[in-house]
């Protein structure tokens, strides 16, 4: 019983770390299986300066791609990613109707890339 009392904080920390890792892997796999092609209607900035995008009222949090405030992304840009794609694109529609690339981001998840039907 003395050993359990001595190591319970380590057990809690290990459990929390394992839960965090499994949660990140799950969301990364789900995102990798999704495809995106929408006009950004709203952008929120997190405390870590990463961006949360909105497709209408639907919130899109990116787990596998790093996009932060300094990349020049604006409301009205288009977020485009194919299913199981390695690269996510953010494009802006020019007045002539053509698209220009604003930013691209490479998938940075190892586990999400392993599972894709």
PDB file of N, CA and C in Angstrom:
ATOM      1  N   UNK A   1       0.821  -1.197   0.000  1.00  0.00           N
ATOM      2  CA  UNK A   1       0.000   0.000   0.000  1.00  0.00           C
ATOM      3  C   UNK A   1       0.864   1.259   0.000  1.00  0.00           C
ATOM      4  N   UNK A   2       2.005   1.165   0.620  1.00  0.00           N
ATOM      5  CA  UNK A   2       2.910   2.312   0.687  1.00  0.00           C
ATOM      6  C   UNK A   2       3.432   2.695  -0.699  1.00  0.00           C
ATOM      7  N   UNK A   3       3.646   1.693  -1.546  1.00  0.00           N
ATOM      8  CA  UNK A   3       4.138   1.946  -2.909  1.00  0.00           C
ATOM      9  C   UNK A   3       3.091   2.695  -3.725  1.00  0.00           C
ATOM     10  N   UNK A   4       1.829   2.317  -3.586  1.00  0.00           N
ATOM     11  CA  UNK A   4       0.749   2.988  -4.314  1.00  0.00           C
ATOM     12  C   UNK A   4       0.660   4.454  -3.913  1.00  0.00           C
ATOM     13  N   UNK A   5       0.750   4.731  -2.632  1.00  0.00           N
ATOM     14  CA  UNK A   5       0.707   6.118  -2.165  1.00  0.00           C
ATOM     15  C   UNK A   5       1.880   6.920  -2.685  1.00  0.00           C
ATOM     16  N   UNK A   6       3.005   6.265  -2.843  1.00  0.00           N
ATOM     17  CA  UNK A   6       4.213   6.948  -3.280  1.00  0.00           C
ATOM     18  C   UNK A   6       4.186   7.289  -4.779  1.00  0.00           C
ATOM     19  N   UNK A   7       3.577   6.420  -5.584  1.00  0.00           N
ATOM     20  CA  UNK A   7       3.645   6.596  -7.038  1.00  0.00           C
ATOM     21  C   UNK A   7       2.341   7.040  -7.694  1.00  0.00           C
ATOM     22  N   UNK A   8       1.294   7.312  -6.950  1.00  0.00           N
ATOM     23  CA  UNK A   8       0.035   7.688  -7.586  1.00  0.00           C
ATOM     24  C   UNK A   8       0.126   8.970  -8.400  1.00  0.00           C
ATOM     25  N   UNK A   9       0.934   9.985  -8.009  1.00  0.00           N
ATOM     26  CA  UNK A   9       1.043  11.158  -8.897  1.00  0.00           C
ATOM     27  C   UNK A   9       1.650  10.797 -10.266  1.00  0.00           C
ATOM     28  N   UNK A  10       2.612   9.900 -10.279  1.00  0.00           N
ATOM     29  CA  UNK A  10       3.210   9.469 -11.550  1.00  0.00           C
ATOM     30  C   UNK A  10       2.214   8.696 -12.405  1.00  0.00           C
ATOM     31  N   UNK A  11       1.384   7.894 -11.765  1.00  0.00           N
ATOM     32  CA  UNK A  11       0.359   7.143 -12.492  1.00  0.00           C
ATOM     33  C   UNK A  11      -0.645   8.108 -13.115  1.00  0.00           C
ATOM     34  N   UNK A  12      -1.053   9.129 -12.392  1.00  0.00           N
ATOM     35  CA  UNK A  12      -1.980  10.127 -12.938  1.00  0.00           C
ATOM     36  C   UNK A  12      -1.365  10.884 -14.110  1.00  0.00           C
ATOM     37  N   UNK A  13      -0.116  11.265 -13.992  1.00  0.00           N
ATOM     38  CA  UNK A  13       0.566  11.980 -15.077  1.00  0.00           C
ATOM     39  C   UNK A  13       0.688  11.085 -16.309  1.00  0.00           C
ATOM     40  N   UNK A  14       1.040   9.821 -16.109  1.00  0.00           N
ATOM     41  CA  UNK A  14       1.156   8.886 -17.228  1.00  0.00           C
ATOM     42  C   UNK A  14      -0.202   8.679 -17.901  1.00  0.00           C
ATOM     43  N   UNK A  15      -1.268   8.560 -17.117  1.00  0.00           N
ATOM     44  CA  UNK A  15      -2.606   8.404 -17.669  1.00  0.00           C
ATOM     45  C   UNK A  15      -3.006   9.629 -18.481  1.00  0.00           C
ATOM     46  N   UNK A  16      -2.756  10.812 -17.956  1.00  0.00           N
ATOM     47  CA  UNK A  16      -3.084  12.047 -18.665  1.00  0.00           C
ATOM     48  C   UNK A  16      -2.296  12.154 -19.975  1.00  0.00           C
ATOM     49  N   UNK A  17      -1.015  11.823 -19.937  1.00  0.00           N
ATOM     50  CA  UNK A  17      -0.184  11.875 -21.151  1.00  0.00           C
ATOM     51  C   UNK A  17      -0.676  10.876 -22.188  1.00  0.00           C
ATOM     52  N   UNK A  18      -1.033   9.676 -21.766  1.00  0.00           N
ATOM     53  CA  UNK A  18      -1.541   8.660 -22.694  1.00  0.00           C
ATOM     54  C   UNK A  18      -2.872   9.097 -23.293  1.00  0.00           C
ATOM     55  N   UNK A  19      -3.760   9.640 -22.464  1.00  0.00           N
ATOM     56  CA  UNK A  19      -5.046  10.134 -22.965  1.00  0.00           C
ATOM     57  C   UNK A  19      -4.842  11.248 -23.991  1.00  0.00           C
ATOM     58  N   UNK A  20      -3.958  12.186 -23.711  1.00  0.00           N
ATOM     59  CA  UNK A  20      -3.682  13.295 -24.629  1.00  0.00           C
ATOM     60  C   UNK A  20      -3.136  12.780 -25.955  1.00  0.00           C
ATOM     61  N   UNK A  21      -2.213  11.834 -25.902  1.00  0.00           N
ATOM     62  CA  UNK A  21      -1.644  11.261 -27.117  1.00  0.00           C
ATOM     63  C   UNK A  21      -2.701  10.544 -27.947  1.00  0.00           C
ATOM     64  N   UNK A  22      -3.511   9.707 -27.315  1.00  0.00           N
ATOM     65  CA  UNK A  22      -4.550   8.971 -28.041  1.00  0.00           C
ATOM     66  C   UNK A  22      -5.612   9.902 -28.609  1.00  0.00           C
ATOM     67  N   UNK A  23      -5.967  10.953 -27.886  1.00  0.00           N
ATOM     68  CA  UNK A  23      -6.933  11.935 -28.377  1.00  0.00           C
ATOM     69  C   UNK A  23      -6.392  12.653 -29.619  1.00  0.00           C
ATOM     70  N   UNK A  24      -5.135  13.031 -29.586  1.00  0.00           N
ATOM     71  CA  UNK A  24      -4.521  13.704 -30.735  1.00  0.00           C
ATOM     72  C   UNK A  24      -4.451  12.779 -31.949  1.00  0.00           C
ATOM     73  N   UNK A  25      -4.108  11.531 -31.715  1.00  0.00           N
ATOM     74  CA  UNK A  25      -4.054  10.572 -32.816  1.00  0.00           C
ATOM     75  C   UNK A  25      -5.438  10.374 -33.427  1.00  0.00           C
ATOM     76  N   UNK A  26      -6.451  10.215 -32.588  1.00  0.00           N
ATOM     77  CA  UNK A  26      -7.817  10.028 -33.080  1.00  0.00           C
ATOM     78  C   UNK A  26      -8.266  11.205 -33.946  1.00  0.00           C
ATOM     79  N   UNK A  27      -8.111  12.435 -33.425  1.00  0.00           N
ATOM     80  CA  UNK A  27      -8.546  13.616 -34.182  1.00  0.00           C
ATOM     81  C   UNK A  27      -7.716  13.795 -35.456  1.00  0.00           C
ATOM     82  N   UNK A  28      -6.436  13.467 -35.401  1.00  0.00           N
ATOM     83  CA  UNK A  28      -5.594  13.559 -36.586  1.00  0.00           C
ATOM     84  C   UNK A  28      -6.027  12.596 -37.674  1.00  0.00           C
ATOM     85  N   UNK A  29      -6.379  11.378 -37.300  1.00  0.00           N
ATOM     86  CA  UNK A  29      -6.847  10.390 -38.285  1.00  0.00           C
ATOM     87  C   UNK A  29      -8.173  10.834 -38.887  1.00  0.00           C
ATOM     88  N   UNK A  30      -9.094  11.308 -38.053  1.00  0.00           N
ATOM     89  CA  UNK A  30     -10.385  11.785 -38.558  1.00  0.00           C
ATOM     90  C   UNK A  30     -10.202  12.963 -39.516  1.00  0.00           C
ATOM     91  N   UNK A  31      -9.299  13.882 -39.179  1.00  0.00           N
ATOM     92  CA  UNK A  31      -9.054  15.021 -40.063  1.00  0.00           C
ATOM     93  C   UNK A  31      -8.428  14.557 -41.373  1.00  0.00           C
ATOM     94  N   UNK A  32      -7.529  13.606 -41.313  1.00  0.00           N
ATOM     95  CA  UNK A  32      -6.867  13.130 -42.518  1.00  0.00           C
ATOM     96  C   UNK A  32      -7.863  12.485 -43.474  1.00  0.00           C
ATOM     97  N   UNK A  33      -8.893  11.838 -42.945  1.00  0.00           N
ATOM     98  CA  UNK A  33      -9.913  11.209 -43.777  1.00  0.00           C
ATOM     99  C   UNK A  33     -10.916  12.223 -44.336  1.00  0.00           C
ATOM    100  N   UNK A  34     -10.893  13.449 -43.833  1.00  0.00           N
ATOM    101  CA  UNK A  34     -11.824  14.488 -44.288  1.00  0.00           C
ATOM    102  C   UNK A  34     -11.244  15.253 -45.468  1.00  0.00           C
ATOM    103  N   UNK A  35     -12.150  15.816 -46.245  1.00  0.00           N
ATOM    104  CA  UNK A  35     -11.719  16.738 -47.295  1.00  0.00           C
ATOM    105  C   UNK A  35     -12.384  18.085 -47.017  1.00  0.00           C
ATOM    106  N   UNK A  36     -11.683  19.153 -47.357  1.00  0.00           N
ATOM    107  CA  UNK A  36     -12.190  20.504 -47.130  1.00  0.00           C
ATOM    108  C   UNK A  36     -12.146  21.284 -48.438  1.00  0.00           C
ATOM    109  N   UNK A  37     -13.174  22.040 -48.670  1.00  0.00           N
ATOM    110  CA  UNK A  37     -13.213  22.970 -49.797  1.00  0.00           C
ATOM    111  C   UNK A  37     -14.303  23.992 -49.477  1.00  0.00           C
ATOM    112  N   UNK A  38     -13.923  25.021 -48.731  1.00  0.00           N
ATOM    113  CA  UNK A  38     -14.920  25.993 -48.316  1.00  0.00           C
ATOM    114  C   UNK A  38     -14.311  27.388 -48.201  1.00  0.00           C
ATOM    115  N   UNK A  39     -15.211  28.363 -48.225  1.00  0.00           N
ATOM    116  CA  UNK A  39     -14.835  29.761 -48.039  1.00  0.00           C
ATOM    117  C   UNK A  39     -14.815  30.047 -46.538  1.00  0.00           C
ATOM    118  N   UNK A  40     -13.732  30.614 -46.054  1.00  0.00           N
ATOM    119  CA  UNK A  40     -13.584  30.922 -44.640  1.00  0.00           C
ATOM    120  C   UNK A  40     -14.481  32.107 -44.291  1.00  0.00           C
ATOM    121  N   UNK A  41     -15.409  31.880 -43.340  1.00  0.00           N
ATOM    122  CA  UNK A  41     -16.357  32.933 -42.973  1.00  0.00           C
ATOM    123  C   UNK A  41     -15.970  33.649 -41.683  1.00  0.00           C
ATOM    124  N   UNK A  42     -15.113  32.992 -40.879  1.00  0.00           N
ATOM    125  CA  UNK A  42     -14.689  33.582 -39.614  1.00  0.00           C
ATOM    126  C   UNK A  42     -13.368  32.939 -39.215  1.00  0.00           C
ATOM    127  N   UNK A  43     -12.507  33.719 -38.563  1.00  0.00           N
ATOM    128  CA  UNK A  43     -11.228  33.207 -38.084  1.00  0.00           C
ATOM    129  C   UNK A  43     -11.055  33.607 -36.623  1.00  0.00           C
ATOM    130  N   UNK A  44     -10.675  32.636 -35.802  1.00  0.00           N
ATOM    131  CA  UNK A  44     -10.336  32.920 -34.404  1.00  0.00           C
ATOM    132  C   UNK A  44      -8.877  32.569 -34.192  1.00  0.00           C
ATOM    133  N   UNK A  45      -8.228  33.302 -33.309  1.00  0.00           N
ATOM    134  CA  UNK A  45      -6.833  33.045 -32.972  1.00  0.00           C
ATOM    135  C   UNK A  45      -6.769  32.478 -31.560  1.00  0.00           C
ATOM    136  N   UNK A  46      -6.057  31.370 -31.410  1.00  0.00           N
ATOM    137  CA  UNK A  46      -5.896  30.752 -30.090  1.00  0.00           C
ATOM    138  C   UNK A  46      -4.768  31.461 -29.345  1.00  0.00           C
ATOM    139  N   UNK A  47      -4.619  31.192 -28.056  1.00  0.00           N
ATOM    140  CA  UNK A  47      -3.509  31.801 -27.305  1.00  0.00           C
ATOM    141  C   UNK A  47      -2.124  31.450 -27.859  1.00  0.00           C
ATOM    142  N   UNK A  48      -2.018  30.337 -28.583  1.00  0.00           N
ATOM    143  CA  UNK A  48      -0.731  29.955 -29.180  1.00  0.00           C
ATOM    144  C   UNK A  48      -0.563  30.516 -30.589  1.00  0.00           C
ATOM    145  N   UNK A  49      -1.445  31.409 -30.998  1.00  0.00           N
ATOM    146  CA  UNK A  49      -1.430  32.091 -32.291  1.00  0.00           C
ATOM    147  C   UNK A  49      -1.783  31.186 -33.470  1.00  0.00           C
ATOM    148  N   UNK A  50      -2.288  29.980 -33.211  1.00  0.00           N
ATOM    149  CA  UNK A  50      -2.781  29.157 -34.314  1.00  0.00           C
ATOM    150  C   UNK A  50      -4.211  29.589 -34.617  1.00  0.00           C
ATOM    151  N   UNK A  51      -4.695  29.211 -35.792  1.00  0.00           N
ATOM    152  CA  UNK A  51      -5.988  29.700 -36.257  1.00  0.00           C
ATOM    153  C   UNK A  51      -7.057  28.619 -36.217  1.00  0.00           C
ATOM    154  N   UNK A  52      -8.275  29.029 -35.893  1.00  0.00           N
ATOM    155  CA  UNK A  52      -9.459  28.190 -35.987  1.00  0.00           C
ATOM    156  C   UNK A  52     -10.329  28.818 -37.070  1.00  0.00           C
ATOM    157  N   UNK A  53     -10.741  28.004 -38.048  1.00  0.00           N
ATOM    158  CA  UNK A  53     -11.511  28.507 -39.181  1.00  0.00           C
ATOM    159  C   UNK A  53     -12.974  28.116 -39.038  1.00  0.00           C
ATOM    160  N   UNK A  54     -13.836  28.890 -39.691  1.00  0.00           N
ATOM    161  CA  UNK A  54     -15.259  28.593 -39.697  1.00  0.00           C
ATOM    162  C   UNK A  54     -15.757  28.510 -41.124  1.00  0.00           C
ATOM    163  N   UNK A  55     -16.559  27.467 -41.360  1.00  0.00           N
ATOM    164  CA  UNK A  55     -17.263  27.277 -42.616  1.00  0.00           C
ATOM    165  C   UNK A  55     -18.731  27.521 -42.296  1.00  0.00           C
ATOM    166  N   UNK A  56     -19.137  28.771 -42.413  1.00  0.00           N
ATOM    167  CA  UNK A  56     -20.462  29.139 -41.930  1.00  0.00           C
ATOM    168  C   UNK A  56     -20.423  29.110 -40.414  1.00  0.00           C
ATOM    169  N   UNK A  57     -21.259  28.280 -39.806  1.00  0.00           N
ATOM    170  CA  UNK A  57     -21.259  28.157 -38.352  1.00  0.00           C
ATOM    171  C   UNK A  57     -20.417  26.978 -37.871  1.00  0.00           C
ATOM    172  N   UNK A  58     -19.927  26.158 -38.791  1.00  0.00           N
ATOM    173  CA  UNK A  58     -19.147  24.971 -38.421  1.00  0.00           C
ATOM    174  C   UNK A  58     -17.693  25.342 -38.157  1.00  0.00           C
ATOM    175  N   UNK A  59     -17.217  24.979 -36.959  1.00  0.00           N
ATOM    176  CA  UNK A  59     -15.839  25.250 -36.567  1.00  0.00           C
ATOM    177  C   UNK A  59     -14.929  24.151 -37.129  1.00  0.00           C
ATOM    178  N   UNK A  60     -13.795  24.563 -37.713  1.00  0.00           N
ATOM    179  CA  UNK A  60     -12.820  23.618 -38.251  1.00  0.00           C
ATOM    180  C   UNK A  60     -11.491  23.860 -37.547  1.00  0.00           C
ATOM    181  N   UNK A  61     -11.138  22.931 -36.649  1.00  0.00           N
ATOM    182  CA  UNK A  61      -9.865  22.995 -35.940  1.00  0.00           C
ATOM    183  C   UNK A  61      -8.917  22.029 -36.627  1.00  0.00           C
ATOM    184  N   UNK A  62      -7.760  22.507 -37.008  1.00  0.00           N
ATOM    185  CA  UNK A  62      -6.793  21.661 -37.713  1.00  0.00           C
ATOM    186  C   UNK A  62      -5.861  20.978 -36.716  1.00  0.00           C
ATOM    187  N   UNK A  63      -5.757  19.676 -36.804  1.00  0.00           N
ATOM    188  CA  UNK A  63      -4.906  18.887 -35.914  1.00  0.00           C
ATOM    189  C   UNK A  63      -3.590  18.524 -36.587  1.00  0.00           C
ATOM    190  N   UNK A  64      -3.585  18.379 -37.905  1.00  0.00           N
ATOM    191  CA  UNK A  64      -2.402  17.891 -38.619  1.00  0.00           C
ATOM    192  C   UNK A  64      -1.613  18.981 -39.335  1.00  0.00           C
ATOM    193  N   UNK A  65      -2.135  20.164 -39.370  1.00  0.00           N
ATOM    194  CA  UNK A  65      -1.509  21.245 -40.123  1.00  0.00           C
ATOM    195  C   UNK A  65      -1.260  22.442 -39.210  1.00  0.00           C
ATOM    196  N   UNK A  66      -0.127  23.091 -39.388  1.00  0.00           N
ATOM    197  CA  UNK A  66       0.219  24.241 -38.567  1.00  0.00           C
ATOM    198  C   UNK A  66      -0.004  25.511 -39.374  1.00  0.00           C
ATOM    199  N   UNK A  67      -0.997  26.274 -38.980  1.00  0.00           N
ATOM    200  CA  UNK A  67      -1.295  27.552 -39.633  1.00  0.00           C
ATOM    201  C   UNK A  67      -1.474  28.577 -38.523  1.00  0.00           C
ATOM    202  N   UNK A  68      -0.652  29.620 -38.556  1.00  0.00           N
ATOM    203  CA  UNK A  68      -0.709  30.600 -37.477  1.00  0.00           C
ATOM    204  C   UNK A  68      -1.084  31.981 -37.999  1.00  0.00           C
ATOM    205  N   UNK A  69      -1.211  32.895 -37.078  1.00  0.00           N
ATOM    206  CA  UNK A  69      -1.709  34.235 -37.375  1.00  0.00           C
ATOM    207  C   UNK A  69      -0.854  34.987 -38.395  1.00  0.00           C
ATOM    208  N   UNK A  70       0.433  34.778 -38.419  1.00  0.00           N
ATOM    209  CA  UNK A  70       1.312  35.538 -39.290  1.00  0.00           C
ATOM    210  C   UNK A  70       1.339  35.111 -40.752  1.00  0.00           C
ATOM    211  N   UNK A  71       0.477  34.181 -41.156  1.00  0.00           N
ATOM    212  CA  UNK A  71       0.507  33.690 -42.531  1.00  0.00           C
ATOM    213  C   UNK A  71      -0.346  34.507 -43.501  1.00  0.00           C
ATOM    214  N   UNK A  72      -0.992  35.548 -43.048  1.00  0.00           N
ATOM    215  CA  UNK A  72      -1.728  36.447 -43.941  1.00  0.00           C
ATOM    216  C   UNK A  72      -3.058  35.919 -44.435  1.00  0.00           C
ATOM    217  N   UNK A  73      -3.666  35.050 -43.705  1.00  0.00           N
ATOM    218  CA  UNK A  73      -4.944  34.466 -44.105  1.00  0.00           C
ATOM    219  C   UNK A  73      -6.065  35.391 -43.650  1.00  0.00           C
ATOM    220  N   UNK A  74      -7.069  35.560 -44.519  1.00  0.00           N
ATOM    221  CA  UNK A  74      -8.154  36.490 -44.226  1.00  0.00           C
ATOM    222  C   UNK A  74      -9.505  35.828 -44.464  1.00  0.00           C
ATOM    223  N   UNK A  75     -10.537  36.433 -43.892  1.00  0.00           N
ATOM    224  CA  UNK A  75     -11.906  35.973 -44.141  1.00  0.00           C
ATOM    225  C   UNK A  75     -12.174  36.147 -45.634  1.00  0.00           C
ATOM    226  N   UNK A  76     -12.797  35.137 -46.240  1.00  0.00           N
ATOM    227  CA  UNK A  76     -13.063  35.159 -47.671  1.00  0.00           C
ATOM    228  C   UNK A  76     -12.090  34.284 -48.455  1.00  0.00           C
ATOM    229  N   UNK A  77     -10.973  33.891 -47.836  1.00  0.00           N
ATOM    230  CA  UNK A  77     -10.055  32.952 -48.479  1.00  0.00           C
ATOM    231  C   UNK A  77     -10.695  31.566 -48.477  1.00  0.00           C
ATOM    232  N   UNK A  78     -10.143  30.678 -49.290  1.00  0.00           N
ATOM    233  CA  UNK A  78     -10.669  29.327 -49.408  1.00  0.00           C
ATOM    234  C   UNK A  78      -9.692  28.323 -48.811  1.00  0.00           C
ATOM    235  N   UNK A  79     -10.211  27.424 -47.986  1.00  0.00           N
ATOM    236  CA  UNK A  79      -9.415  26.359 -47.395  1.00  0.00           C
ATOM    237  C   UNK A  79      -9.701  25.093 -48.196  1.00  0.00           C
ATOM    238  N   UNK A  80      -8.648  24.475 -48.738  1.00  0.00           N
ATOM    239  CA  UNK A  80      -8.808  23.340 -49.648  1.00  0.00           C
ATOM    240  C   UNK A  80      -7.864  22.212 -49.233  1.00  0.00           C
ATOM    241  N   UNK A  81      -8.436  21.024 -49.005  1.00  0.00           N
ATOM    242  CA  UNK A  81      -7.650  19.826 -48.716  1.00  0.00           C
ATOM    243  C   UNK A  81      -8.406  18.613 -49.214  1.00  0.00           C
ATOM    244  N   UNK A  82      -7.742  17.773 -49.990  1.00  0.00           N
ATOM    245  CA  UNK A  82      -8.353  16.525 -50.435  1.00  0.00           C
ATOM    246  C   UNK A  82      -8.248  15.481 -49.333  1.00  0.00           C
ATOM    247  N   UNK A  83      -9.050  14.448 -49.457  1.00  0.00           N
ATOM    248  CA  UNK A  83      -9.013  13.342 -48.496  1.00  0.00           C
ATOM    249  C   UNK A  83      -7.627  12.687 -48.535  1.00  0.00           C
ATOM    250  N   UNK A  84      -7.033  12.472 -47.380  1.00  0.00           N
ATOM    251  CA  UNK A  84      -5.714  11.834 -47.217  1.00  0.00           C
ATOM    252  C   UNK A  84      -4.589  12.618 -47.892  1.00  0.00           C
ATOM    253  N   UNK A  85      -4.766  13.915 -48.078  1.00  0.00           N
ATOM    254  CA  UNK A  85      -3.758  14.735 -48.757  1.00  0.00           C
ATOM    255  C   UNK A  85      -2.619  15.101 -47.822  1.00  0.00           C
ATOM    256  N   UNK A  86      -1.456  15.256 -48.381  1.00  0.00           N
ATOM    257  CA  UNK A  86      -0.277  15.664 -47.630  1.00  0.00           C
ATOM    258  C   UNK A  86      -0.222  17.180 -47.432  1.00  0.00           C
ATOM    259  N   UNK A  87      -0.897  17.923 -48.315  1.00  0.00           N
ATOM    260  CA  UNK A  87      -0.802  19.386 -48.280  1.00  0.00           C
ATOM    261  C   UNK A  87      -2.191  20.014 -48.238  1.00  0.00           C
ATOM    262  N   UNK A  88      -2.337  21.008 -47.379  1.00  0.00           N
ATOM    263  CA  UNK A  88      -3.546  21.816 -47.290  1.00  0.00           C
ATOM    264  C   UNK A  88      -3.230  23.171 -47.919  1.00  0.00           C
ATOM    265  N   UNK A  89      -4.149  23.680 -48.732  1.00  0.00           N
ATOM    266  CA  UNK A  89      -3.940  24.951 -49.416  1.00  0.00           C
ATOM    267  C   UNK A  89      -4.937  25.986 -48.924  1.00  0.00           C
ATOM    268  N   UNK A  90      -4.475  27.220 -48.840  1.00  0.00           N
ATOM    269  CA  UNK A  90      -5.367  28.349 -48.613  1.00  0.00           C
ATOM    270  C   UNK A  90      -5.161  29.284 -49.799  1.00  0.00           C
ATOM    271  N   UNK A  91      -6.262  29.515 -50.515  1.00  0.00           N
ATOM    272  CA  UNK A  91      -6.187  30.318 -51.745  1.00  0.00           C
ATOM    273  C   UNK A  91      -7.125  31.508 -51.641  1.00  0.00           C
ATOM    274  N   UNK A  92      -6.793  32.532 -52.393  1.00  0.00           N
ATOM    275  CA  UNK A  92      -7.587  33.759 -52.425  1.00  0.00           C
ATOM    276  C   UNK A  92      -8.063  33.985 -53.851  1.00  0.00           C
ATOM    277  N   UNK A  93      -9.342  34.327 -53.989  1.00  0.00           N
ATOM    278  CA  UNK A  93      -9.919  34.585 -55.307  1.00  0.00           C
ATOM    279  C   UNK A  93      -9.615  36.023 -55.709  1.00  0.00           C
ATOM    280  N   UNK A  94      -8.965  36.178 -56.854  1.00  0.00           N
ATOM    281  CA  UNK A  94      -8.637  37.512 -57.372  1.00  0.00           C
ATOM    282  C   UNK A  94      -9.844  38.094 -58.104  1.00  0.00           C
ATOM    283  N   UNK A  95      -9.830  39.397 -58.353  1.00  0.00           N
ATOM    284  CA  UNK A  95     -10.970  40.018 -59.036  1.00  0.00           C
ATOM    285  C   UNK A  95     -11.275  39.416 -60.417  1.00  0.00           C
ATOM    286  N   UNK A  96     -10.264  38.849 -61.071  1.00  0.00           N
ATOM    287  CA  UNK A  96     -10.505  38.242 -62.383  1.00  0.00           C
ATOM    288  C   UNK A  96     -11.078  36.822 -62.283  1.00  0.00           C
ATOM    289  N   UNK A  97     -11.321  36.338 -61.056  1.00  0.00           N
ATOM    290  CA  UNK A  97     -11.921  35.031 -60.856  1.00  0.00           C
ATOM    291  C   UNK A  97     -10.922  33.904 -60.684  1.00  0.00           C
ATOM    292  N   UNK A  98      -9.650  34.173 -60.894  1.00  0.00           N
ATOM    293  CA  UNK A  98      -8.627  33.139 -60.723  1.00  0.00           C
ATOM    294  C   UNK A  98      -8.177  33.105 -59.268  1.00  0.00           C
ATOM    295  N   UNK A  99      -7.621  31.983 -58.881  1.00  0.00           N
ATOM    296  CA  UNK A  99      -7.161  31.816 -57.506  1.00  0.00           C
ATOM    297  C   UNK A  99      -5.654  31.973 -57.422  1.00  0.00           C
ATOM    298  N   UNK A 100      -5.209  32.596 -56.325  1.00  0.00           N
ATOM    299  CA  UNK A 100      -3.778  32.675 -56.042  1.00  0.00           C
ATOM    300  C   UNK A 100      -3.521  31.994 -54.704  1.00  0.00           C
ATOM    301  N   UNK A 101      -2.390  31.351 -54.594  1.00  0.00           N
ATOM    302  CA  UNK A 101      -2.032  30.650 -53.372  1.00  0.00           C
ATOM    303  C   UNK A 101      -1.605  31.645 -52.301  1.00  0.00           C
ATOM    304  N   UNK A 102      -2.241  31.588 -51.147  1.00  0.00           N
ATOM    305  CA  UNK A 102      -1.885  32.436 -50.017  1.00  0.00           C
ATOM    306  C   UNK A 102      -0.924  31.700 -49.091  1.00  0.00           C
ATOM    307  N   UNK A 103      -1.244  30.429 -48.833  1.00  0.00           N
ATOM    308  CA  UNK A 103      -0.414  29.633 -47.916  1.00  0.00           C
ATOM    309  C   UNK A 103      -0.666  28.160 -48.180  1.00  0.00           C
ATOM    310  N   UNK A 104       0.367  27.362 -48.006  1.00  0.00           N
ATOM    311  CA  UNK A 104       0.205  25.906 -48.031  1.00  0.00           C
ATOM    312  C   UNK A 104       0.905  25.340 -46.804  1.00  0.00           C
ATOM    313  N   UNK A 105       0.367  24.245 -46.304  1.00  0.00           N
ATOM    314  CA  UNK A 105       0.921  23.634 -45.102  1.00  0.00           C
ATOM    315  C   UNK A 105       0.988  22.131 -45.306  1.00  0.00           C
ATOM    316  N   UNK A 106       2.106  21.547 -44.923  1.00  0.00           N
ATOM    317  CA  UNK A 106       2.305  20.106 -45.051  1.00  0.00           C
ATOM    318  C   UNK A 106       1.778  19.396 -43.809  1.00  0.00           C
ATOM    319  N   UNK A 107       1.195  18.227 -44.021  1.00  0.00           N
ATOM    320  CA  UNK A 107       0.676  17.403 -42.933  1.00  0.00           C
ATOM    321  C   UNK A 107       1.831  17.014 -42.023  1.00  0.00           C
ATOM    322  N   UNK A 108       1.738  17.331 -40.746  1.00  0.00           N
ATOM    323  CA  UNK A 108       2.833  17.065 -39.827  1.00  0.00           C
ATOM    324  C   UNK A 108       2.548  15.924 -38.858  1.00  0.00           C
ATOM    325  N   UNK A 109       1.577  15.091 -39.177  1.00  0.00           N
ATOM    326  CA  UNK A 109       1.224  13.975 -38.303  1.00  0.00           C
ATOM    327  C   UNK A 109       1.757  12.667 -38.868  1.00  0.00           C
ATOM    328  N   UNK A 110       2.465  11.929 -38.045  1.00  0.00           N
ATOM    329  CA  UNK A 110       2.970  10.637 -38.468  1.00  0.00           C
ATOM    330  C   UNK A 110       1.877   9.581 -38.422  1.00  0.00           C
ATOM    331  N   UNK A 111       1.107   9.542 -37.346  1.00  0.00           N
ATOM    332  CA  UNK A 111       0.104   8.505 -37.159  1.00  0.00           C
ATOM    333  C   UNK A 111      -1.077   8.640 -38.116  1.00  0.00           C
ATOM    334  N   UNK A 112      -1.496   9.858 -38.397  1.00  0.00           N
ATOM    335  CA  UNK A 112      -2.651  10.061 -39.279  1.00  0.00           C
ATOM    336  C   UNK A 112      -2.348   9.598 -40.692  1.00  0.00           C
ATOM    337  N   UNK A 113      -1.093   9.681 -41.106  1.00  0.00           N
ATOM    338  CA  UNK A 113      -0.742   9.270 -42.457  1.00  0.00           C
ATOM    339  C   UNK A 113      -0.713   7.756 -42.614  1.00  0.00           C
ATOM    340  N   UNK A 114      -0.617   7.024 -41.525  1.00  0.00           N
ATOM    341  CA  UNK A 114      -0.579   5.566 -41.607  1.00  0.00           C
ATOM    342  C   UNK A 114      -1.929   4.959 -41.927  1.00  0.00           C
ATOM    343  N   UNK A 115      -2.995   5.621 -41.511  1.00  0.00           N
ATOM    344  CA  UNK A 115      -4.326   5.064 -41.661  1.00  0.00           C
ATOM    345  C   UNK A 115      -5.126   5.936 -42.614  1.00  0.00           C
ATOM    346  N   UNK A 116      -5.306   5.434 -43.805  1.00  0.00           N
ATOM    347  CA  UNK A 116      -6.153   6.122 -44.771  1.00  0.00           C
ATOM    348  C   UNK A 116      -6.649   5.082 -45.769  1.00  0.00           C
ATOM    349  N   UNK A 117      -7.972   4.873 -45.799  1.00  0.00           N
ATOM    350  CA  UNK A 117      -8.519   3.846 -46.702  1.00  0.00           C
ATOM    351  C   UNK A 117      -8.444   4.336 -48.120  1.00  0.00           C
TER     352      UNK A 117
END
